[in-house]
Amino acid sequence: MNDNIANRIQCPFYVAHNSGTGNNITITCERIKTNMGFNVKNKLFFANQKQRLDFMELFCMDAKTCQNCPYYEVIYNNKYREC
């Protein structure tokens, strides 16, 4: 993982990203729902590294806009919604 990118992450639900090739250009976020009895991951796939970096700059690296990410909203609501 590129340390420069990792140091800029602001989203609390970010887990990792992969700078691979082909279908392996990804961002992994926390699970949307936990304790389902399955090892399900919340992984976003991108067509290329530029798309992934653009998404990360918009949602993962900016504390002001990360809350606009659709994955952030769902994970946040699942973890912190009032019962």
C-alpha atoms as a PDB file:
ATOM      1  CA  MET A   1       0.000   0.000   0.000  1.00  0.00           C
ATOM      2  CA  ASN A   2       1.265   3.458  -0.831  1.00  0.00           C
ATOM      3  CA  ASP A   3       2.119   5.104   2.519  1.00  0.00           C
ATOM      4  CA  ASN A   4       1.356   8.551   1.098  1.00  0.00           C
ATOM      5  CA  ILE A   5      -2.230   7.472   0.374  1.00  0.00           C
ATOM      6  CA  ALA A   6      -2.588   5.625   3.681  1.00  0.00           C
ATOM      7  CA  ASN A   7      -1.466   8.714   5.602  1.00  0.00           C
ATOM      8  CA  ARG A   8      -4.183  10.820   3.934  1.00  0.00           C
ATOM      9  CA  ILE A   9      -7.137   8.540   4.770  1.00  0.00           C
ATOM     10  CA  GLN A  10      -9.770  10.296   6.911  1.00  0.00           C
ATOM     11  CA  CYS A  11     -12.687   7.858   6.692  1.00  0.00           C
ATOM     12  CA  PRO A  12     -13.084   5.833   9.898  1.00  0.00           C
ATOM     13  CA  PHE A  13     -14.557   2.890   7.953  1.00  0.00           C
ATOM     14  CA  TYR A  14     -11.676   2.480   5.475  1.00  0.00           C
ATOM     15  CA  VAL A  15      -9.804  -0.826   5.855  1.00  0.00           C
ATOM     16  CA  ALA A  16      -7.428  -1.148   2.884  1.00  0.00           C
ATOM     17  CA  HIS A  17      -6.922  -0.685  -0.831  1.00  0.00           C
ATOM     18  CA  ASN A  18      -5.202  -2.722  -3.495  1.00  0.00           C
ATOM     19  CA  SER A  19      -3.218  -1.212  -6.335  1.00  0.00           C
ATOM     20  CA  GLY A  20      -3.331  -4.362  -8.424  1.00  0.00           C
ATOM     21  CA  THR A  21      -4.277  -4.706 -12.057  1.00  0.00           C
ATOM     22  CA  GLY A  22      -7.379  -5.835 -13.888  1.00  0.00           C
ATOM     23  CA  ASN A  23     -10.175  -6.752 -11.468  1.00  0.00           C
ATOM     24  CA  ASN A  24      -7.879  -6.288  -8.497  1.00  0.00           C
ATOM     25  CA  ILE A  25      -8.068  -2.476  -8.120  1.00  0.00           C
ATOM     26  CA  THR A  26     -10.112  -2.185  -4.953  1.00  0.00           C
ATOM     27  CA  ILE A  27     -10.995  -0.380  -1.750  1.00  0.00           C
ATOM     28  CA  THR A  28     -12.127  -2.415   1.250  1.00  0.00           C
ATOM     29  CA  CYS A  29     -14.352  -0.793   3.857  1.00  0.00           C
ATOM     30  CA  GLU A  30     -15.729  -2.141   7.114  1.00  0.00           C
ATOM     31  CA  ARG A  31     -18.578  -4.591   6.774  1.00  0.00           C
ATOM     32  CA  ILE A  32     -22.004  -3.062   6.339  1.00  0.00           C
ATOM     33  CA  LYS A  33     -23.459  -5.638   8.694  1.00  0.00           C
ATOM     34  CA  THR A  34     -21.487  -7.761  11.147  1.00  0.00           C
ATOM     35  CA  ASN A  35     -22.156 -11.052  12.913  1.00  0.00           C
ATOM     36  CA  MET A  36     -24.041 -12.580   9.995  1.00  0.00           C
ATOM     37  CA  GLY A  37     -22.181 -15.882  10.275  1.00  0.00           C
ATOM     38  CA  PHE A  38     -20.384 -15.288   6.966  1.00  0.00           C
ATOM     39  CA  ASN A  39     -16.979 -13.817   6.221  1.00  0.00           C
ATOM     40  CA  VAL A  40     -18.404 -11.118   3.930  1.00  0.00           C
ATOM     41  CA  LYS A  41     -16.279  -8.107   3.026  1.00  0.00           C
ATOM     42  CA  ASN A  42     -17.355  -4.732   1.707  1.00  0.00           C
ATOM     43  CA  LYS A  43     -15.062  -4.371  -1.317  1.00  0.00           C
ATOM     44  CA  LEU A  44     -15.384  -1.782  -4.083  1.00  0.00           C
ATOM     45  CA  PHE A  45     -13.890  -2.649  -7.486  1.00  0.00           C
ATOM     46  CA  PHE A  46     -12.641  -0.062  -9.995  1.00  0.00           C
ATOM     47  CA  ALA A  47     -11.855  -0.247 -13.713  1.00  0.00           C
ATOM     48  CA  ASN A  48      -8.498   1.462 -13.231  1.00  0.00           C
ATOM     49  CA  GLN A  49      -6.275   3.071 -10.620  1.00  0.00           C
ATOM     50  CA  LYS A  50      -7.290   6.616 -11.597  1.00  0.00           C
ATOM     51  CA  GLN A  51     -10.940   5.878 -10.846  1.00  0.00           C
ATOM     52  CA  ARG A  52      -9.970   4.368  -7.505  1.00  0.00           C
ATOM     53  CA  LEU A  53      -7.765   7.334  -6.611  1.00  0.00           C
ATOM     54  CA  ASP A  54     -10.490   9.792  -7.651  1.00  0.00           C
ATOM     55  CA  PHE A  55     -13.004   7.972  -5.418  1.00  0.00           C
ATOM     56  CA  MET A  56     -10.516   7.881  -2.537  1.00  0.00           C
ATOM     57  CA  GLU A  57      -9.723  11.594  -2.857  1.00  0.00           C
ATOM     58  CA  LEU A  58     -13.405  12.447  -2.887  1.00  0.00           C
ATOM     59  CA  PHE A  59     -14.656  10.156  -0.113  1.00  0.00           C
ATOM     60  CA  CYS A  60     -11.783   8.528   1.811  1.00  0.00           C
ATOM     61  CA  MET A  61      -9.258  11.361   2.122  1.00  0.00           C
ATOM     62  CA  ASP A  62     -11.502  14.318   2.883  1.00  0.00           C
ATOM     63  CA  ALA A  63     -13.046  14.441   6.338  1.00  0.00           C
ATOM     64  CA  LYS A  64     -15.656  16.936   5.123  1.00  0.00           C
ATOM     65  CA  THR A  65     -16.906  14.801   2.230  1.00  0.00           C
ATOM     66  CA  CYS A  66     -16.406  11.248   3.503  1.00  0.00           C
ATOM     67  CA  GLN A  67     -19.852  11.425   5.101  1.00  0.00           C
ATOM     68  CA  ASN A  68     -21.310  11.823   1.591  1.00  0.00           C
ATOM     69  CA  CYS A  69     -20.016   8.397   0.570  1.00  0.00           C
ATOM     70  CA  PRO A  70     -22.942   5.961   0.227  1.00  0.00           C
ATOM     71  CA  TYR A  71     -20.954   3.230   1.982  1.00  0.00           C
ATOM     72  CA  TYR A  72     -20.055   5.534   4.885  1.00  0.00           C
ATOM     73  CA  GLU A  73     -23.715   6.408   5.386  1.00  0.00           C
ATOM     74  CA  VAL A  74     -24.881   2.777   5.451  1.00  0.00           C
ATOM     75  CA  ILE A  75     -22.054   1.588   7.714  1.00  0.00           C
ATOM     76  CA  TYR A  76     -22.498   4.558  10.061  1.00  0.00           C
ATOM     77  CA  ASN A  77     -26.262   4.034  10.326  1.00  0.00           C
ATOM     78  CA  ASN A  78     -25.800   0.325  10.987  1.00  0.00           C
ATOM     79  CA  LYS A  79     -23.202   0.888  13.716  1.00  0.00           C
ATOM     80  CA  TYR A  80     -24.602   3.954  15.457  1.00  0.00           C
ATOM     81  CA  ARG A  81     -28.337   4.169  14.797  1.00  0.00           C
ATOM     82  CA  GLU A  82     -30.474   4.458  17.859  1.00  0.00           C
ATOM     83  CA  CYS A  83     -32.439   1.366  18.797  1.00  0.00           C
END
